[in-house]
PDB file of N, CA and C in Angstrom:
ATOM      1  N   MET A   1      30.728 139.091   5.602  1.00  0.00           N
ATOM      2  CA  MET A   1      31.480 139.982   4.733  1.00  0.00           C
ATOM      3  C   MET A   1      31.328 139.539   3.285  1.00  0.00           C
ATOM      4  N   GLU A   2      31.115 140.487   2.419  1.00  0.00           N
ATOM      5  CA  GLU A   2      30.940 140.198   1.004  1.00  0.00           C
ATOM      6  C   GLU A   2      32.281 139.894   0.342  1.00  0.00           C
ATOM      7  N   LYS A   3      32.274 138.943  -0.601  1.00  0.00           N
ATOM      8  CA  LYS A   3      33.489 138.586  -1.327  1.00  0.00           C
ATOM      9  C   LYS A   3      33.911 139.753  -2.227  1.00  0.00           C
ATOM     10  N   PRO A   4      35.215 140.046  -2.299  1.00  0.00           N
ATOM     11  CA  PRO A   4      35.674 141.127  -3.171  1.00  0.00           C
ATOM     12  C   PRO A   4      35.751 140.702  -4.631  1.00  0.00           C
ATOM     13  N   TRP A   5      35.379 139.468  -4.926  1.00  0.00           N
ATOM     14  CA  TRP A   5      35.452 138.937  -6.278  1.00  0.00           C
ATOM     15  C   TRP A   5      34.253 138.045  -6.500  1.00  0.00           C
ATOM     16  N   THR A   6      33.903 137.830  -7.728  1.00  0.00           N
ATOM     17  CA  THR A   6      32.835 136.894  -8.069  1.00  0.00           C
ATOM     18  C   THR A   6      33.294 136.052  -9.250  1.00  0.00           C
ATOM     19  N   ILE A   7      32.862 134.815  -9.259  1.00  0.00           N
ATOM     20  CA  ILE A   7      33.168 133.916 -10.372  1.00  0.00           C
ATOM     21  C   ILE A   7      32.071 134.080 -11.412  1.00  0.00           C
ATOM     22  N   GLU A   8      32.470 134.123 -12.670  1.00  0.00           N
ATOM     23  CA  GLU A   8      31.497 134.295 -13.745  1.00  0.00           C
ATOM     24  C   GLU A   8      30.444 133.199 -13.690  1.00  0.00           C
ATOM     25  N   LYS A   9      29.220 133.568 -14.014  1.00  0.00           N
ATOM     26  CA  LYS A   9      28.120 132.609 -14.043  1.00  0.00           C
ATOM     27  C   LYS A   9      28.458 131.471 -15.011  1.00  0.00           C
ATOM     28  N   ASP A  10      28.093 130.265 -14.639  1.00  0.00           N
ATOM     29  CA  ASP A  10      28.304 129.066 -15.467  1.00  0.00           C
ATOM     30  C   ASP A  10      29.779 128.742 -15.669  1.00  0.00           C
ATOM     31  N   ARG A  11      30.630 129.155 -14.738  1.00  0.00           N
ATOM     32  CA  ARG A  11      32.056 128.826 -14.833  1.00  0.00           C
ATOM     33  C   ARG A  11      32.550 128.464 -13.442  1.00  0.00           C
ATOM     34  N   THR A  12      33.243 127.356 -13.340  1.00  0.00           N
ATOM     35  CA  THR A  12      33.834 126.986 -12.070  1.00  0.00           C
ATOM     36  C   THR A  12      35.260 127.506 -12.025  1.00  0.00           C
ATOM     37  N   GLU A  13      35.746 127.753 -10.821  1.00  0.00           N
ATOM     38  CA  GLU A  13      37.108 128.272 -10.696  1.00  0.00           C
ATOM     39  C   GLU A  13      38.111 127.241 -11.193  1.00  0.00           C
ATOM     40  N   LYS A  14      39.196 127.732 -11.732  1.00  0.00           N
ATOM     41  CA  LYS A  14      40.301 126.880 -12.164  1.00  0.00           C
ATOM     42  C   LYS A  14      41.462 127.099 -11.203  1.00  0.00           C
ATOM     43  N   VAL A  15      42.291 126.090 -11.070  1.00  0.00           N
ATOM     44  CA  VAL A  15      43.526 126.211 -10.306  1.00  0.00           C
ATOM     45  C   VAL A  15      44.672 126.187 -11.309  1.00  0.00           C
ATOM     46  N   HIS A  16      45.484 127.234 -11.283  1.00  0.00           N
ATOM     47  CA  HIS A  16      46.626 127.355 -12.187  1.00  0.00           C
ATOM     48  C   HIS A  16      47.901 127.199 -11.367  1.00  0.00           C
ATOM     49  N   SER A  17      48.667 126.151 -11.601  1.00  0.00           N
ATOM     50  CA  SER A  17      49.961 125.972 -10.930  1.00  0.00           C
ATOM     51  C   SER A  17      51.029 126.595 -11.810  1.00  0.00           C
ATOM     52  N   ILE A  18      51.725 127.590 -11.254  1.00  0.00           N
ATOM     53  CA  ILE A  18      52.711 128.313 -12.050  1.00  0.00           C
ATOM     54  C   ILE A  18      54.022 128.480 -11.284  1.00  0.00           C
ATOM     55  N   LYS A  19      55.098 128.565 -12.053  1.00  0.00           N
ATOM     56  CA  LYS A  19      56.426 128.797 -11.478  1.00  0.00           C
ATOM     57  C   LYS A  19      56.540 130.233 -10.989  1.00  0.00           C
ATOM     58  N   CYS A  20      57.264 130.404  -9.897  1.00  0.00           N
ATOM     59  CA  CYS A  20      57.505 131.737  -9.353  1.00  0.00           C
ATOM     60  C   CYS A  20      58.937 131.761  -8.819  1.00  0.00           C
ATOM     61  N   TRP A  21      59.751 132.647  -9.336  1.00  0.00           N
ATOM     62  CA  TRP A  21      61.157 132.711  -8.917  1.00  0.00           C
ATOM     63  C   TRP A  21      61.262 133.186  -7.465  1.00  0.00           C
ATOM     64  N   PRO A  22      62.366 132.855  -6.783  1.00  0.00           N
ATOM     65  CA  PRO A  22      62.495 133.118  -5.342  1.00  0.00           C
ATOM     66  C   PRO A  22      62.234 134.561  -4.902  1.00  0.00           C
ATOM     67  N   LYS A  23      62.789 135.543  -5.584  1.00  0.00           N
ATOM     68  CA  LYS A  23      62.604 136.932  -5.163  1.00  0.00           C
ATOM     69  C   LYS A  23      61.125 137.317  -5.191  1.00  0.00           C
ATOM     70  N   GLN A  24      60.436 136.980  -6.268  1.00  0.00           N
ATOM     71  CA  GLN A  24      59.027 137.304  -6.401  1.00  0.00           C
ATOM     72  C   GLN A  24      58.181 136.456  -5.438  1.00  0.00           C
ATOM     73  N   PHE A  25      58.561 135.190  -5.269  1.00  0.00           N
ATOM     74  CA  PHE A  25      57.829 134.328  -4.339  1.00  0.00           C
ATOM     75  C   PHE A  25      57.892 134.896  -2.919  1.00  0.00           C
ATOM     76  N   ASP A  26      59.084 135.290  -2.481  1.00  0.00           N
ATOM     77  CA  ASP A  26      59.236 135.861  -1.138  1.00  0.00           C
ATOM     78  C   ASP A  26      58.374 137.109  -0.954  1.00  0.00           C
ATOM     79  N   ALA A  27      58.301 137.945  -1.992  1.00  0.00           N
ATOM     80  CA  ALA A  27      57.504 139.174  -1.906  1.00  0.00           C
ATOM     81  C   ALA A  27      56.009 138.851  -1.787  1.00  0.00           C
ATOM     82  N   VAL A  28      55.530 137.860  -2.515  1.00  0.00           N
ATOM     83  CA  VAL A  28      54.126 137.451  -2.405  1.00  0.00           C
ATOM     84  C   VAL A  28      53.892 136.808  -1.043  1.00  0.00           C
ATOM     85  N   PHE A  29      54.776 135.911  -0.646  1.00  0.00           N
ATOM     86  CA  PHE A  29      54.625 135.176   0.605  1.00  0.00           C
ATOM     87  C   PHE A  29      54.588 136.111   1.811  1.00  0.00           C
ATOM     88  N   SER A  30      55.398 137.161   1.784  1.00  0.00           N
ATOM     89  CA  SER A  30      55.456 138.109   2.905  1.00  0.00           C
ATOM     90  C   SER A  30      54.306 139.121   2.886  1.00  0.00           C
ATOM     91  N   GLY A  31      53.579 139.199   1.757  1.00  0.00           N
ATOM     92  CA  GLY A  31      52.469 140.140   1.645  1.00  0.00           C
ATOM     93  C   GLY A  31      52.840 141.474   1.019  1.00  0.00           C
ATOM     94  N   ARG A  32      54.118 141.656   0.651  1.00  0.00           N
ATOM     95  CA  ARG A  32      54.536 142.919   0.032  1.00  0.00           C
ATOM     96  C   ARG A  32      54.046 143.038  -1.412  1.00  0.00           C
ATOM     97  N   LYS A  33      53.829 141.919  -2.067  1.00  0.00           N
ATOM     98  CA  LYS A  33      53.423 141.916  -3.482  1.00  0.00           C
ATOM     99  C   LYS A  33      52.086 141.195  -3.598  1.00  0.00           C
ATOM    100  N   ARG A  34      51.078 141.889  -4.088  1.00  0.00           N
ATOM    101  CA  ARG A  34      49.741 141.307  -4.229  1.00  0.00           C
ATOM    102  C   ARG A  34      49.265 141.353  -5.680  1.00  0.00           C
ATOM    103  N   TYR A  35      50.187 141.134  -6.598  1.00  0.00           N
ATOM    104  CA  TYR A  35      49.828 141.101  -8.011  1.00  0.00           C
ATOM    105  C   TYR A  35      50.817 140.202  -8.750  1.00  0.00           C
ATOM    106  N   GLU A  36      50.430 139.743  -9.900  1.00  0.00           N
ATOM    107  CA  GLU A  36      51.313 139.016 -10.804  1.00  0.00           C
ATOM    108  C   GLU A  36      51.118 139.582 -12.196  1.00  0.00           C
ATOM    109  N   VAL A  37      52.203 139.752 -12.917  1.00  0.00           N
ATOM    110  CA  VAL A  37      52.154 140.136 -14.326  1.00  0.00           C
ATOM    111  C   VAL A  37      52.477 138.872 -15.099  1.00  0.00           C
ATOM    112  N   ARG A  38      51.558 138.441 -15.924  1.00  0.00           N
ATOM    113  CA  ARG A  38      51.694 137.152 -16.598  1.00  0.00           C
ATOM    114  C   ARG A  38      51.260 137.222 -18.048  1.00  0.00           C
ATOM    115  N   LYS A  39      51.839 136.315 -18.846  1.00  0.00           N
ATOM    116  CA  LYS A  39      51.329 136.087 -20.189  1.00  0.00           C
ATOM    117  C   LYS A  39      49.996 135.380 -19.998  1.00  0.00           C
ATOM    118  N   ASN A  40      48.955 135.874 -20.647  1.00  0.00           N
ATOM    119  CA  ASN A  40      47.630 135.268 -20.467  1.00  0.00           C
ATOM    120  C   ASN A  40      47.439 134.122 -21.451  1.00  0.00           C
ATOM    121  N   ASP A  41      48.151 133.037 -21.188  1.00  0.00           N
ATOM    122  CA  ASP A  41      48.060 131.849 -22.035  1.00  0.00           C
ATOM    123  C   ASP A  41      47.297 130.726 -21.334  1.00  0.00           C
ATOM    124  N   ARG A  42      46.625 131.061 -20.211  1.00  0.00           N
ATOM    125  CA  ARG A  42      45.904 130.054 -19.424  1.00  0.00           C
ATOM    126  C   ARG A  42      44.453 130.430 -19.174  1.00  0.00           C
ATOM    127  N   ASP A  43      43.963 131.450 -19.851  1.00  0.00           N
ATOM    128  CA  ASP A  43      42.581 131.891 -19.669  1.00  0.00           C
ATOM    129  C   ASP A  43      42.307 132.237 -18.206  1.00  0.00           C
ATOM    130  N   TYR A  44      43.182 133.044 -17.612  1.00  0.00           N
ATOM    131  CA  TYR A  44      42.987 133.481 -16.231  1.00  0.00           C
ATOM    132  C   TYR A  44      41.686 134.254 -16.110  1.00  0.00           C
ATOM    133  N   ARG A  45      40.994 134.072 -14.983  1.00  0.00           N
ATOM    134  CA  ARG A  45      39.757 134.785 -14.714  1.00  0.00           C
ATOM    135  C   ARG A  45      39.676 135.134 -13.233  1.00  0.00           C
ATOM    136  N   VAL A  46      38.947 136.199 -12.927  1.00  0.00           N
ATOM    137  CA  VAL A  46      38.695 136.567 -11.536  1.00  0.00           C
ATOM    138  C   VAL A  46      37.999 135.388 -10.852  1.00  0.00           C
ATOM    139  N   GLY A  47      38.467 135.037  -9.651  1.00  0.00           N
ATOM    140  CA  GLY A  47      37.920 133.910  -8.894  1.00  0.00           C
ATOM    141  C   GLY A  47      38.773 132.666  -8.988  1.00  0.00           C
ATOM    142  N   ASP A  48      39.634 132.577 -10.021  1.00  0.00           N
ATOM    143  CA  ASP A  48      40.536 131.433 -10.143  1.00  0.00           C
ATOM    144  C   ASP A  48      41.588 131.462  -9.043  1.00  0.00           C
ATOM    145  N   ILE A  49      42.222 130.323  -8.827  1.00  0.00           N
ATOM    146  CA  ILE A  49      43.289 130.183  -7.847  1.00  0.00           C
ATOM    147  C   ILE A  49      44.634 130.082  -8.566  1.00  0.00           C
ATOM    148  N   LEU A  50      45.614 130.864  -8.097  1.00  0.00           N
ATOM    149  CA  LEU A  50      46.993 130.714  -8.573  1.00  0.00           C
ATOM    150  C   LEU A  50      47.747 129.942  -7.505  1.00  0.00           C
ATOM    151  N   ASN A  51      48.261 128.792  -7.863  1.00  0.00           N
ATOM    152  CA  ASN A  51      49.129 128.036  -6.976  1.00  0.00           C
ATOM    153  C   ASN A  51      50.560 128.386  -7.389  1.00  0.00           C
ATOM    154  N   LEU A  52      51.145 129.355  -6.687  1.00  0.00           N
ATOM    155  CA  LEU A  52      52.504 129.800  -7.006  1.00  0.00           C
ATOM    156  C   LEU A  52      53.483 128.824  -6.383  1.00  0.00           C
ATOM    157  N   ARG A  53      54.311 128.206  -7.219  1.00  0.00           N
ATOM    158  CA  ARG A  53      55.302 127.242  -6.763  1.00  0.00           C
ATOM    159  C   ARG A  53      56.686 127.839  -6.961  1.00  0.00           C
ATOM    160  N   GLU A  54      57.436 127.933  -5.878  1.00  0.00           N
ATOM    161  CA  GLU A  54      58.760 128.545  -5.964  1.00  0.00           C
ATOM    162  C   GLU A  54      59.682 127.665  -6.821  1.00  0.00           C
ATOM    163  N   TRP A  55      60.300 128.303  -7.805  1.00  0.00           N
ATOM    164  CA  TRP A  55      61.174 127.645  -8.777  1.00  0.00           C
ATOM    165  C   TRP A  55      62.542 128.291  -8.693  1.00  0.00           C
ATOM    166  N   ASP A  56      63.564 127.485  -8.513  1.00  0.00           N
ATOM    167  CA  ASP A  56      64.933 128.004  -8.453  1.00  0.00           C
ATOM    168  C   ASP A  56      65.571 127.885  -9.833  1.00  0.00           C
ATOM    169  N   PRO A  57      65.775 129.014 -10.523  1.00  0.00           N
ATOM    170  CA  PRO A  57      66.338 128.947 -11.880  1.00  0.00           C
ATOM    171  C   PRO A  57      67.786 128.459 -11.891  1.00  0.00           C
ATOM    172  N   LYS A  58      68.477 128.567 -10.769  1.00  0.00           N
ATOM    173  CA  LYS A  58      69.868 128.095 -10.705  1.00  0.00           C
ATOM    174  C   LYS A  58      69.947 126.576 -10.726  1.00  0.00           C
ATOM    175  N   THR A  59      69.023 125.922 -10.041  1.00  0.00           N
ATOM    176  CA  THR A  59      69.034 124.454  -9.984  1.00  0.00           C
ATOM    177  C   THR A  59      68.089 123.831 -10.999  1.00  0.00           C
ATOM    178  N   GLY A  60      67.149 124.651 -11.505  1.00  0.00           N
ATOM    179  CA  GLY A  60      66.158 124.128 -12.442  1.00  0.00           C
ATOM    180  C   GLY A  60      65.150 123.216 -11.765  1.00  0.00           C
ATOM    181  N   GLN A  61      64.901 123.460 -10.464  1.00  0.00           N
ATOM    182  CA  GLN A  61      63.975 122.611  -9.716  1.00  0.00           C
ATOM    183  C   GLN A  61      63.067 123.447  -8.830  1.00  0.00           C
ATOM    184  N   TYR A  62      61.940 122.846  -8.469  1.00  0.00           N
ATOM    185  CA  TYR A  62      61.060 123.465  -7.493  1.00  0.00           C
ATOM    186  C   TYR A  62      61.692 123.314  -6.108  1.00  0.00           C
ATOM    187  N   THR A  63      61.481 124.327  -5.254  1.00  0.00           N
ATOM    188  CA  THR A  63      62.060 124.296  -3.902  1.00  0.00           C
ATOM    189  C   THR A  63      61.181 123.548  -2.917  1.00  0.00           C
ATOM    190  N   GLY A  64      59.915 123.360  -3.245  1.00  0.00           N
ATOM    191  CA  GLY A  64      58.968 122.722  -2.333  1.00  0.00           C
ATOM    192  C   GLY A  64      58.038 123.721  -1.662  1.00  0.00           C
ATOM    193  N   ARG A  65      58.348 125.022  -1.771  1.00  0.00           N
ATOM    194  CA  ARG A  65      57.467 126.036  -1.179  1.00  0.00           C
ATOM    195  C   ARG A  65      56.401 126.433  -2.203  1.00  0.00           C
ATOM    196  N   SER A  66      55.188 126.664  -1.703  1.00  0.00           N
ATOM    197  CA  SER A  66      54.107 127.116  -2.573  1.00  0.00           C
ATOM    198  C   SER A  66      53.113 127.927  -1.743  1.00  0.00           C
ATOM    199  N   ILE A  67      52.316 128.719  -2.435  1.00  0.00           N
ATOM    200  CA  ILE A  67      51.257 129.489  -1.799  1.00  0.00           C
ATOM    201  C   ILE A  67      50.111 129.608  -2.801  1.00  0.00           C
ATOM    202  N   ALA A  68      48.893 129.431  -2.304  1.00  0.00           N
ATOM    203  CA  ALA A  68      47.703 129.549  -3.152  1.00  0.00           C
ATOM    204  C   ALA A  68      47.084 130.922  -2.932  1.00  0.00           C
ATOM    205  N   MET A  69      46.849 131.627  -4.015  1.00  0.00           N
ATOM    206  CA  MET A  69      46.255 132.963  -3.976  1.00  0.00           C
ATOM    207  C   MET A  69      45.074 132.997  -4.953  1.00  0.00           C
ATOM    208  N   ARG A  70      44.048 133.758  -4.594  1.00  0.00           N
ATOM    209  CA  ARG A  70      42.889 133.907  -5.477  1.00  0.00           C
ATOM    210  C   ARG A  70      43.067 135.161  -6.341  1.00  0.00           C
ATOM    211  N   ILE A  71      42.677 135.062  -7.599  1.00  0.00           N
ATOM    212  CA  ILE A  71      42.668 136.229  -8.481  1.00  0.00           C
ATOM    213  C   ILE A  71      41.450 137.066  -8.104  1.00  0.00           C
ATOM    214  N   SER A  72      41.712 138.241  -7.546  1.00  0.00           N
ATOM    215  CA  SER A  72      40.622 139.105  -7.089  1.00  0.00           C
ATOM    216  C   SER A  72      40.341 140.254  -8.064  1.00  0.00           C
ATOM    217  N   TYR A  73      41.272 140.496  -8.986  1.00  0.00           N
ATOM    218  CA  TYR A  73      41.109 141.569  -9.965  1.00  0.00           C
ATOM    219  C   TYR A  73      41.997 141.238 -11.157  1.00  0.00           C
ATOM    220  N   MET A  74      41.589 141.681 -12.325  1.00  0.00           N
ATOM    221  CA  MET A  74      42.391 141.411 -13.519  1.00  0.00           C
ATOM    222  C   MET A  74      42.339 142.599 -14.466  1.00  0.00           C
ATOM    223  N   THR A  75      43.522 143.063 -14.866  1.00  0.00           N
ATOM    224  CA  THR A  75      43.633 144.054 -15.928  1.00  0.00           C
ATOM    225  C   THR A  75      44.105 143.296 -17.166  1.00  0.00           C
ATOM    226  N   GLU A  76      43.267 143.279 -18.167  1.00  0.00           N
ATOM    227  CA  GLU A  76      43.552 142.486 -19.355  1.00  0.00           C
ATOM    228  C   GLU A  76      44.479 143.216 -20.313  1.00  0.00           C
ATOM    229  N   GLY A  77      45.176 142.417 -21.109  1.00  0.00           N
ATOM    230  CA  GLY A  77      46.045 142.956 -22.139  1.00  0.00           C
ATOM    231  C   GLY A  77      45.264 143.793 -23.134  1.00  0.00           C
ATOM    232  N   GLY A  78      45.961 144.744 -23.732  1.00  0.00           N
ATOM    233  CA  GLY A  78      45.319 145.631 -24.689  1.00  0.00           C
ATOM    234  C   GLY A  78      44.737 146.867 -24.034  1.00  0.00           C
ATOM    235  N   THR A  79      44.836 146.953 -22.702  1.00  0.00           N
ATOM    236  CA  THR A  79      44.369 148.139 -21.982  1.00  0.00           C
ATOM    237  C   THR A  79      45.528 148.728 -21.199  1.00  0.00           C
ATOM    238  N   PHE A  80      45.468 150.015 -20.941  1.00  0.00           N
ATOM    239  CA  PHE A  80      46.470 150.722 -20.147  1.00  0.00           C
ATOM    240  C   PHE A  80      47.906 150.475 -20.633  1.00  0.00           C
ATOM    241  N   GLY A  81      48.078 150.304 -21.923  1.00  0.00           N
ATOM    242  CA  GLY A  81      49.400 150.131 -22.499  1.00  0.00           C
ATOM    243  C   GLY A  81      49.975 148.729 -22.403  1.00  0.00           C
ATOM    244  N   LEU A  82      49.207 147.778 -21.864  1.00  0.00           N
ATOM    245  CA  LEU A  82      49.693 146.397 -21.782  1.00  0.00           C
ATOM    246  C   LEU A  82      49.632 145.728 -23.154  1.00  0.00           C
ATOM    247  N   PRO A  83      50.646 144.938 -23.498  1.00  0.00           N
ATOM    248  CA  PRO A  83      50.530 144.131 -24.721  1.00  0.00           C
ATOM    249  C   PRO A  83      49.308 143.216 -24.619  1.00  0.00           C
ATOM    250  N   LYS A  84      48.728 142.850 -25.759  1.00  0.00           N
ATOM    251  CA  LYS A  84      47.483 142.074 -25.771  1.00  0.00           C
ATOM    252  C   LYS A  84      47.591 140.730 -25.057  1.00  0.00           C
ATOM    253  N   ASP A  85      48.772 140.129 -25.018  1.00  0.00           N
ATOM    254  CA  ASP A  85      48.895 138.790 -24.419  1.00  0.00           C
ATOM    255  C   ASP A  85      49.365 138.819 -22.956  1.00  0.00           C
ATOM    256  N   ILE A  86      49.459 140.015 -22.366  1.00  0.00           N
ATOM    257  CA  ILE A  86      49.914 140.160 -20.972  1.00  0.00           C
ATOM    258  C   ILE A  86      48.758 140.650 -20.101  1.00  0.00           C
ATOM    259  N   CYS A  87      48.689 140.135 -18.869  1.00  0.00           N
ATOM    260  CA  CYS A  87      47.664 140.607 -17.941  1.00  0.00           C
ATOM    261  C   CYS A  87      48.290 140.867 -16.575  1.00  0.00           C
ATOM    262  N   VAL A  88      47.625 141.695 -15.797  1.00  0.00           N
ATOM    263  CA  VAL A  88      48.038 141.953 -14.406  1.00  0.00           C
ATOM    264  C   VAL A  88      46.946 141.367 -13.523  1.00  0.00           C
ATOM    265  N   LEU A  89      47.337 140.484 -12.624  1.00  0.00           N
ATOM    266  CA  LEU A  89      46.390 139.781 -11.774  1.00  0.00           C
ATOM    267  C   LEU A  89      46.522 140.300 -10.346  1.00  0.00           C
ATOM    268  N   GLY A  90      45.443 140.844  -9.799  1.00  0.00           N
ATOM    269  CA  GLY A  90      45.402 141.223  -8.391  1.00  0.00           C
ATOM    270  C   GLY A  90      45.165 139.965  -7.568  1.00  0.00           C
ATOM    271  N   LEU A  91      45.908 139.789  -6.473  1.00  0.00           N
ATOM    272  CA  LEU A  91      45.848 138.568  -5.678  1.00  0.00           C
ATOM    273  C   LEU A  91      45.355 138.829  -4.259  1.00  0.00           C
ATOM    274  N   SER A  92      44.617 137.872  -3.724  1.00  0.00           N
ATOM    275  CA  SER A  92      44.215 137.911  -2.321  1.00  0.00           C
ATOM    276  C   SER A  92      44.307 136.504  -1.763  1.00  0.00           C
ATOM    277  N   LEU A  93      44.379 136.421  -0.424  1.00  0.00           N
ATOM    278  CA  LEU A  93      44.459 135.104   0.229  1.00  0.00           C
ATOM    279  C   LEU A  93      43.125 134.410   0.216  1.00  0.00           C
TER     280      LEU A  93
END
């Protein structure tokens, strides 16, 4: 089966560890949510890995749950009405 994503030539994938609040984490973990809307301050690219780490804003601590997802699609800021510094990342396992 062909990969639904490709990594840019001369670039290795990056792993981005990011906080994810419980409601959004549960939706990604269960498969109901396959995208992330993020400030693009990490040079996200198709093929990179998002290590979503569940963060509890009430306690100010990580819960210990995490899930790794690959960026399979990216809508960059400045298109489709998105602010220039915001991107929408399509996720796959």
